[in-house]
C-alpha atoms as a PDB file:
ATOM      1  CA  MET A   1     -10.550  -1.277 -13.623  1.00  0.00           C
ATOM      2  CA  THR A   2     -10.560   1.386 -10.934  1.00  0.00           C
ATOM      3  CA  THR A   3     -13.167   4.111 -10.652  1.00  0.00           C
ATOM      4  CA  PHE A   4     -11.700   7.489  -9.725  1.00  0.00           C
ATOM      5  CA  LEU A   5     -14.084  10.099  -8.343  1.00  0.00           C
ATOM      6  CA  LEU A   6     -12.312  13.400  -9.036  1.00  0.00           C
ATOM      7  CA  LEU A   7     -13.207  16.272  -6.713  1.00  0.00           C
ATOM      8  CA  PRO A   8     -12.025  19.760  -7.736  1.00  0.00           C
ATOM      9  CA  GLY A   9     -10.732  22.442  -5.419  1.00  0.00           C
ATOM     10  CA  ALA A  10     -12.084  25.963  -4.967  1.00  0.00           C
ATOM     11  CA  GLY A  11     -14.366  26.916  -7.828  1.00  0.00           C
ATOM     12  CA  GLY A  12     -15.755  23.401  -8.061  1.00  0.00           C
ATOM     13  CA  GLU A  13     -15.272  23.007 -11.801  1.00  0.00           C
ATOM     14  CA  PRO A  14     -14.727  19.581 -13.364  1.00  0.00           C
ATOM     15  CA  TRP A  15     -12.678  21.280 -16.103  1.00  0.00           C
ATOM     16  CA  PHE A  16      -9.749  21.180 -13.706  1.00  0.00           C
ATOM     17  CA  TRP A  17      -9.437  17.433 -14.382  1.00  0.00           C
ATOM     18  CA  HIS A  18      -9.955  17.597 -18.146  1.00  0.00           C
ATOM     19  CA  ARG A  19      -6.357  16.634 -18.982  1.00  0.00           C
ATOM     20  CA  VAL A  20      -6.214  13.768 -16.458  1.00  0.00           C
ATOM     21  CA  VAL A  21      -9.547  12.097 -17.326  1.00  0.00           C
ATOM     22  CA  PRO A  22      -8.555  10.838 -20.834  1.00  0.00           C
ATOM     23  CA  LEU A  23      -5.247   9.529 -19.478  1.00  0.00           C
ATOM     24  CA  LEU A  24      -6.997   7.447 -16.839  1.00  0.00           C
ATOM     25  CA  GLU A  25      -9.540   6.220 -19.356  1.00  0.00           C
ATOM     26  CA  ALA A  26      -6.809   5.279 -21.831  1.00  0.00           C
ATOM     27  CA  ARG A  27      -5.409   2.981 -19.160  1.00  0.00           C
ATOM     28  CA  GLY A  28      -8.764   1.245 -18.751  1.00  0.00           C
ATOM     29  CA  HIS A  29     -10.033   3.102 -15.709  1.00  0.00           C
ATOM     30  CA  GLU A  30     -13.210   5.065 -15.119  1.00  0.00           C
ATOM     31  CA  ALA A  31     -12.848   8.745 -14.247  1.00  0.00           C
ATOM     32  CA  ILE A  32     -15.760  10.776 -12.870  1.00  0.00           C
ATOM     33  CA  PRO A  33     -15.053  14.501 -12.445  1.00  0.00           C
ATOM     34  CA  VAL A  34     -17.571  16.130 -10.114  1.00  0.00           C
ATOM     35  CA  ASP A  35     -19.198  19.507 -10.711  1.00  0.00           C
ATOM     36  CA  LEU A  36     -19.783  21.327  -7.416  1.00  0.00           C
ATOM     37  CA  PRO A  37     -21.967  24.462  -7.010  1.00  0.00           C
ATOM     38  CA  ALA A  38     -19.078  26.400  -5.507  1.00  0.00           C
ATOM     39  CA  ASP A  39     -20.630  29.832  -6.068  1.00  0.00           C
ATOM     40  CA  ASP A  40     -23.964  28.896  -4.448  1.00  0.00           C
ATOM     41  CA  GLU A  41     -24.121  30.597  -1.055  1.00  0.00           C
ATOM     42  CA  THR A  42     -26.852  28.184   0.064  1.00  0.00           C
ATOM     43  CA  ALA A  43     -24.736  25.066  -0.569  1.00  0.00           C
ATOM     44  CA  GLY A  44     -22.403  23.647   2.060  1.00  0.00           C
ATOM     45  CA  TRP A  45     -20.802  20.344   2.997  1.00  0.00           C
ATOM     46  CA  ALA A  46     -24.112  18.486   3.178  1.00  0.00           C
ATOM     47  CA  GLU A  47     -25.024  19.522  -0.367  1.00  0.00           C
ATOM     48  CA  TYR A  48     -21.525  18.873  -1.728  1.00  0.00           C
ATOM     49  CA  THR A  49     -21.482  15.431  -0.119  1.00  0.00           C
ATOM     50  CA  GLU A  50     -24.831  14.504  -1.651  1.00  0.00           C
ATOM     51  CA  ILE A  51     -23.670  15.577  -5.117  1.00  0.00           C
ATOM     52  CA  ALA A  52     -20.479  13.527  -4.772  1.00  0.00           C
ATOM     53  CA  ARG A  53     -22.376  10.541  -3.336  1.00  0.00           C
ATOM     54  CA  ALA A  54     -24.773  10.578  -6.292  1.00  0.00           C
ATOM     55  CA  ALA A  55     -21.875  10.629  -8.757  1.00  0.00           C
ATOM     56  CA  THR A  56     -19.729   7.901  -7.236  1.00  0.00           C
ATOM     57  CA  ARG A  57     -19.738   4.115  -7.355  1.00  0.00           C
ATOM     58  CA  PRO A  58     -19.171   1.690  -4.477  1.00  0.00           C
ATOM     59  CA  GLY A  59     -15.476   1.117  -3.953  1.00  0.00           C
ATOM     60  CA  ALA A  60     -14.349   4.160  -5.913  1.00  0.00           C
ATOM     61  CA  VAL A  61     -11.077   5.879  -5.180  1.00  0.00           C
ATOM     62  CA  VAL A  62     -12.002   9.379  -4.040  1.00  0.00           C
ATOM     63  CA  VAL A  63      -9.531  12.037  -5.176  1.00  0.00           C
ATOM     64  CA  GLY A  64      -9.636  15.508  -3.631  1.00  0.00           C
ATOM     65  CA  GLN A  65      -7.570  18.418  -4.954  1.00  0.00           C
ATOM     66  CA  SER A  66      -6.787  21.389  -2.694  1.00  0.00           C
ATOM     67  CA  MET A  67     -10.095  22.341  -0.980  1.00  0.00           C
ATOM     68  CA  GLY A  68     -11.535  19.095  -2.338  1.00  0.00           C
ATOM     69  CA  ALA A  69      -9.643  17.391   0.490  1.00  0.00           C
ATOM     70  CA  PHE A  70     -12.365  18.655   2.830  1.00  0.00           C
ATOM     71  CA  LEU A  71     -14.995  16.801   0.805  1.00  0.00           C
ATOM     72  CA  ALA A  72     -13.065  13.600   0.071  1.00  0.00           C
ATOM     73  CA  PRO A  73     -13.384  11.996   3.539  1.00  0.00           C
ATOM     74  CA  LEU A  74     -17.111  12.772   3.624  1.00  0.00           C
ATOM     75  CA  VAL A  75     -17.916  10.690   0.531  1.00  0.00           C
ATOM     76  CA  PRO A  76     -19.211   7.275   1.630  1.00  0.00           C
ATOM     77  CA  GLY A  77     -18.072   3.929   0.259  1.00  0.00           C
ATOM     78  CA  ALA A  78     -14.542   4.866  -0.810  1.00  0.00           C
ATOM     79  CA  SER A  79     -11.958   2.113  -1.111  1.00  0.00           C
ATOM     80  CA  ALA A  80      -9.151   4.664  -0.845  1.00  0.00           C
ATOM     81  CA  ILE A  81      -8.587   8.413  -0.670  1.00  0.00           C
ATOM     82  CA  VAL A  82      -5.946  10.307  -2.642  1.00  0.00           C
ATOM     83  CA  LEU A  83      -5.307  13.956  -1.806  1.00  0.00           C
ATOM     84  CA  VAL A  84      -3.642  16.205  -4.397  1.00  0.00           C
ATOM     85  CA  ASN A  85      -1.964  19.391  -3.119  1.00  0.00           C
ATOM     86  CA  PRO A  86      -4.554  19.275  -0.380  1.00  0.00           C
ATOM     87  CA  MET A  87      -6.020  21.354   2.379  1.00  0.00           C
ATOM     88  CA  ILE A  88      -5.957  18.462   4.865  1.00  0.00           C
ATOM     89  CA  PRO A  89      -8.781  19.176   7.331  1.00  0.00           C
ATOM     90  CA  ALA A  90      -9.080  18.417  11.015  1.00  0.00           C
ATOM     91  CA  PRO A  91     -12.378  17.294  12.565  1.00  0.00           C
ATOM     92  CA  GLY A  92     -14.608  20.269  13.355  1.00  0.00           C
ATOM     93  CA  GLU A  93     -12.354  22.798  11.606  1.00  0.00           C
ATOM     94  CA  THR A  94     -13.913  25.050   8.991  1.00  0.00           C
ATOM     95  CA  ALA A  95     -12.164  25.727   5.723  1.00  0.00           C
ATOM     96  CA  GLY A  96     -11.866  29.353   6.810  1.00  0.00           C
ATOM     97  CA  GLU A  97     -10.082  28.370  10.019  1.00  0.00           C
ATOM     98  CA  TRP A  98      -7.727  25.968   8.236  1.00  0.00           C
ATOM     99  CA  TRP A  99      -5.262  28.617   7.052  1.00  0.00           C
ATOM    100  CA  LYS A 100      -4.370  29.934  10.499  1.00  0.00           C
ATOM    101  CA  ALA A 101      -4.582  26.532  12.166  1.00  0.00           C
ATOM    102  CA  THR A 102      -2.027  25.017   9.777  1.00  0.00           C
ATOM    103  CA  ARG A 103       0.218  28.122   9.793  1.00  0.00           C
ATOM    104  CA  GLN A 104       0.029  28.260   6.011  1.00  0.00           C
ATOM    105  CA  GLU A 105       0.959  31.935   5.797  1.00  0.00           C
ATOM    106  CA  GLU A 106       4.131  31.378   7.813  1.00  0.00           C
ATOM    107  CA  ALA A 107       5.040  28.391   5.628  1.00  0.00           C
ATOM    108  CA  ARG A 108       4.680  30.493   2.487  1.00  0.00           C
ATOM    109  CA  ALA A 109       6.803  33.243   3.988  1.00  0.00           C
ATOM    110  CA  GLU A 110       9.525  30.732   4.845  1.00  0.00           C
ATOM    111  CA  ALA A 111       9.446  29.643   1.195  1.00  0.00           C
ATOM    112  CA  GLY A 112       9.824  33.252   0.056  1.00  0.00           C
ATOM    113  CA  PHE A 113       6.219  34.116  -0.841  1.00  0.00           C
ATOM    114  CA  THR A 114       4.297  36.741   1.118  1.00  0.00           C
ATOM    115  CA  ASP A 115       1.475  37.845  -1.160  1.00  0.00           C
ATOM    116  CA  PHE A 116      -0.558  36.086  -3.832  1.00  0.00           C
ATOM    117  CA  ASP A 117       0.196  36.588  -7.501  1.00  0.00           C
ATOM    118  CA  LEU A 118      -1.773  34.497  -9.996  1.00  0.00           C
ATOM    119  CA  ASP A 119       0.996  34.199 -12.573  1.00  0.00           C
ATOM    120  CA  ARG A 120       3.790  33.503 -10.105  1.00  0.00           C
ATOM    121  CA  ASP A 121       1.878  31.176  -7.770  1.00  0.00           C
ATOM    122  CA  PHE A 122      -0.506  29.284 -10.058  1.00  0.00           C
ATOM    123  CA  LEU A 123       0.548  29.641 -13.698  1.00  0.00           C
ATOM    124  CA  HIS A 124       4.350  29.469 -13.511  1.00  0.00           C
ATOM    125  CA  ASP A 125       4.566  25.872 -14.790  1.00  0.00           C
ATOM    126  CA  MET A 126       2.011  26.139 -17.597  1.00  0.00           C
ATOM    127  CA  SER A 127       2.245  26.754 -21.314  1.00  0.00           C
ATOM    128  CA  PRO A 128       1.062  30.218 -22.421  1.00  0.00           C
ATOM    129  CA  GLU A 129      -2.003  28.652 -24.025  1.00  0.00           C
ATOM    130  CA  LEU A 130      -3.028  26.770 -20.906  1.00  0.00           C
ATOM    131  CA  ALA A 131      -2.307  29.751 -18.670  1.00  0.00           C
ATOM    132  CA  ALA A 132      -4.575  31.857 -20.887  1.00  0.00           C
ATOM    133  CA  GLU A 133      -7.397  29.367 -20.344  1.00  0.00           C
ATOM    134  CA  VAL A 134      -6.965  29.565 -16.580  1.00  0.00           C
ATOM    135  CA  ARG A 135      -6.849  33.369 -16.659  1.00  0.00           C
ATOM    136  CA  LYS A 136     -10.342  33.432 -18.150  1.00  0.00           C
ATOM    137  CA  GLY A 137     -11.490  32.644 -14.639  1.00  0.00           C
ATOM    138  CA  GLY A 138     -14.209  30.439 -13.325  1.00  0.00           C
ATOM    139  CA  ARG A 139     -16.713  30.373 -10.521  1.00  0.00           C
ATOM    140  CA  PRO A 140     -15.776  31.992  -7.201  1.00  0.00           C
ATOM    141  CA  GLN A 141     -15.831  29.858  -4.082  1.00  0.00           C
ATOM    142  CA  SER A 142     -18.680  30.843  -1.761  1.00  0.00           C
ATOM    143  CA  ASP A 143     -18.080  32.500   1.600  1.00  0.00           C
ATOM    144  CA  HIS A 144     -20.571  30.033   3.043  1.00  0.00           C
ATOM    145  CA  SER A 145     -18.396  27.037   2.204  1.00  0.00           C
ATOM    146  CA  PHE A 146     -15.504  28.497   4.204  1.00  0.00           C
ATOM    147  CA  ALA A 147     -17.731  29.133   7.223  1.00  0.00           C
ATOM    148  CA  ASP A 148     -20.006  26.073   7.098  1.00  0.00           C
ATOM    149  CA  PRO A 149     -19.446  23.869  10.191  1.00  0.00           C
ATOM    150  CA  TYR A 150     -17.385  20.902   9.055  1.00  0.00           C
ATOM    151  CA  PRO A 151     -19.027  17.571   9.974  1.00  0.00           C
ATOM    152  CA  LEU A 152     -15.944  15.308   9.975  1.00  0.00           C
ATOM    153  CA  THR A 153     -15.515  13.573  13.336  1.00  0.00           C
ATOM    154  CA  ALA A 154     -12.705  11.178  12.400  1.00  0.00           C
ATOM    155  CA  TRP A 155     -10.758  10.373   9.262  1.00  0.00           C
ATOM    156  CA  PRO A 156     -12.196   7.297   7.458  1.00  0.00           C
ATOM    157  CA  THR A 157     -10.356   4.037   8.045  1.00  0.00           C
ATOM    158  CA  VAL A 158      -9.367   3.639   4.400  1.00  0.00           C
ATOM    159  CA  PRO A 159      -5.895   3.924   2.841  1.00  0.00           C
ATOM    160  CA  THR A 160      -5.007   7.564   2.266  1.00  0.00           C
ATOM    161  CA  THR A 161      -2.240   8.893   0.014  1.00  0.00           C
ATOM    162  CA  VAL A 162      -1.010  12.479  -0.215  1.00  0.00           C
ATOM    163  CA  LEU A 163       0.409  13.768  -3.514  1.00  0.00           C
ATOM    164  CA  ALA A 164       2.207  17.111  -3.241  1.00  0.00           C
ATOM    165  CA  ALA A 165       3.799  19.224  -5.955  1.00  0.00           C
ATOM    166  CA  ARG A 166       7.474  20.030  -5.501  1.00  0.00           C
ATOM    167  CA  ASP A 167       6.986  23.629  -6.668  1.00  0.00           C
ATOM    168  CA  ASP A 168       3.617  24.372  -5.086  1.00  0.00           C
ATOM    169  CA  ARG A 169       3.863  28.037  -4.135  1.00  0.00           C
ATOM    170  CA  LEU A 170       0.559  28.073  -2.250  1.00  0.00           C
ATOM    171  CA  PHE A 171       1.207  24.990  -0.105  1.00  0.00           C
ATOM    172  CA  PRO A 172       4.984  24.360  -0.144  1.00  0.00           C
ATOM    173  CA  LEU A 173       6.148  20.749  -0.068  1.00  0.00           C
ATOM    174  CA  ALA A 174       7.709  21.004   3.405  1.00  0.00           C
ATOM    175  CA  PHE A 175       4.415  22.411   4.694  1.00  0.00           C
ATOM    176  CA  GLN A 176       2.441  19.544   3.153  1.00  0.00           C
ATOM    177  CA  ARG A 177       4.745  16.976   4.698  1.00  0.00           C
ATOM    178  CA  ARG A 178       4.313  18.538   8.132  1.00  0.00           C
ATOM    179  CA  VAL A 179       0.529  18.798   7.912  1.00  0.00           C
ATOM    180  CA  ALA A 180       0.219  15.218   6.608  1.00  0.00           C
ATOM    181  CA  ARG A 181       2.241  14.033   9.601  1.00  0.00           C
ATOM    182  CA  GLU A 182       0.302  16.113  12.123  1.00  0.00           C
ATOM    183  CA  ARG A 183      -3.178  15.395  10.794  1.00  0.00           C
ATOM    184  CA  LEU A 184      -3.028  11.975   9.148  1.00  0.00           C
ATOM    185  CA  GLY A 185      -0.054  10.379  10.841  1.00  0.00           C
ATOM    186  CA  ILE A 186       1.626  10.050   7.445  1.00  0.00           C
ATOM    187  CA  ASP A 187       5.394  10.279   7.667  1.00  0.00           C
ATOM    188  CA  GLY A 188       6.656  13.190   5.610  1.00  0.00           C
ATOM    189  CA  GLY A 189       8.760  10.836   3.530  1.00  0.00           C
ATOM    190  CA  GLU A 190       5.620   8.984   2.479  1.00  0.00           C
ATOM    191  CA  VAL A 191       4.124  12.081   0.874  1.00  0.00           C
ATOM    192  CA  VAL A 192       4.528  11.508  -2.861  1.00  0.00           C
ATOM    193  CA  ALA A 193       6.320  14.442  -4.482  1.00  0.00           C
ATOM    194  CA  LEU A 194       5.303  15.269  -8.050  1.00  0.00           C
ATOM    195  CA  PRO A 195       6.541  17.870 -10.524  1.00  0.00           C
ATOM    196  CA  GLY A 196       4.815  21.185 -10.998  1.00  0.00           C
ATOM    197  CA  GLY A 197       2.852  23.659  -8.934  1.00  0.00           C
ATOM    198  CA  HIS A 198      -0.508  23.823  -7.214  1.00  0.00           C
ATOM    199  CA  LEU A 199      -2.496  23.138 -10.396  1.00  0.00           C
ATOM    200  CA  ASN A 200      -0.298  20.314 -11.678  1.00  0.00           C
ATOM    201  CA  ALA A 201      -3.266  18.220 -12.817  1.00  0.00           C
ATOM    202  CA  LEU A 202      -3.342  20.813 -15.598  1.00  0.00           C
ATOM    203  CA  SER A 203       0.384  21.357 -16.092  1.00  0.00           C
ATOM    204  CA  TYR A 204       1.610  17.773 -15.517  1.00  0.00           C
ATOM    205  CA  PRO A 205      -1.400  15.538 -16.212  1.00  0.00           C
ATOM    206  CA  GLU A 206       0.655  12.476 -17.193  1.00  0.00           C
ATOM    207  CA  GLU A 207       2.524  12.487 -13.896  1.00  0.00           C
ATOM    208  CA  VAL A 208      -0.644  13.095 -11.860  1.00  0.00           C
ATOM    209  CA  ALA A 209      -2.570  10.341 -13.643  1.00  0.00           C
ATOM    210  CA  ALA A 210       0.309   7.891 -13.159  1.00  0.00           C
ATOM    211  CA  ALA A 211       0.541   8.760  -9.475  1.00  0.00           C
ATOM    212  CA  LEU A 212      -3.199   8.219  -8.990  1.00  0.00           C
ATOM    213  CA  ILE A 213      -2.956   4.767 -10.532  1.00  0.00           C
ATOM    214  CA  THR A 214       0.148   3.890  -8.521  1.00  0.00           C
ATOM    215  CA  ALA A 215      -1.485   5.031  -5.288  1.00  0.00           C
ATOM    216  CA  VAL A 216      -4.099   2.294  -5.521  1.00  0.00           C
END
């Protein structure tokens, strides 16, 4: 049995993993989705790390989706890290600085996307029913979390896998392969390509769950 600690992206809501959790559990694994106080302007990386540390178990596989990739390497005791459509951080870089530093806007423009549209960029691969659930909205991500000094000094010396969606319109696949190479030394061909868009743990939970299990 593997324990998966599931860190959400911006908004911090464990609901994001609600379709993956039962699939992992059905295969005999333990899945722990973490609830982060994303809208709390007094909470930063220290508080997020403590919440994740309290939820995890020694030797867990720490999974970070999107902005959750900033938190994943800060969680102690991980046996492996899996990043899903991630914002791969660099030591000392804030989440607010990440966008310009990685040239994300240019990468989106090269892929044909210049502005953000919720339906086109996030909901395009979902059923109408699931898209309606997402449209209800959730917690906003605090300004503080984007500006809080990031404490990472070096990436943990544990196996790290990057899972990237083929049709991610926020972080295109070619962009993810480049950033994984530049920041983690992972060859672009080793980035695992999965179906779906940025929120594919919702739209393609079977494929995401299978990839998590395969990664470890």
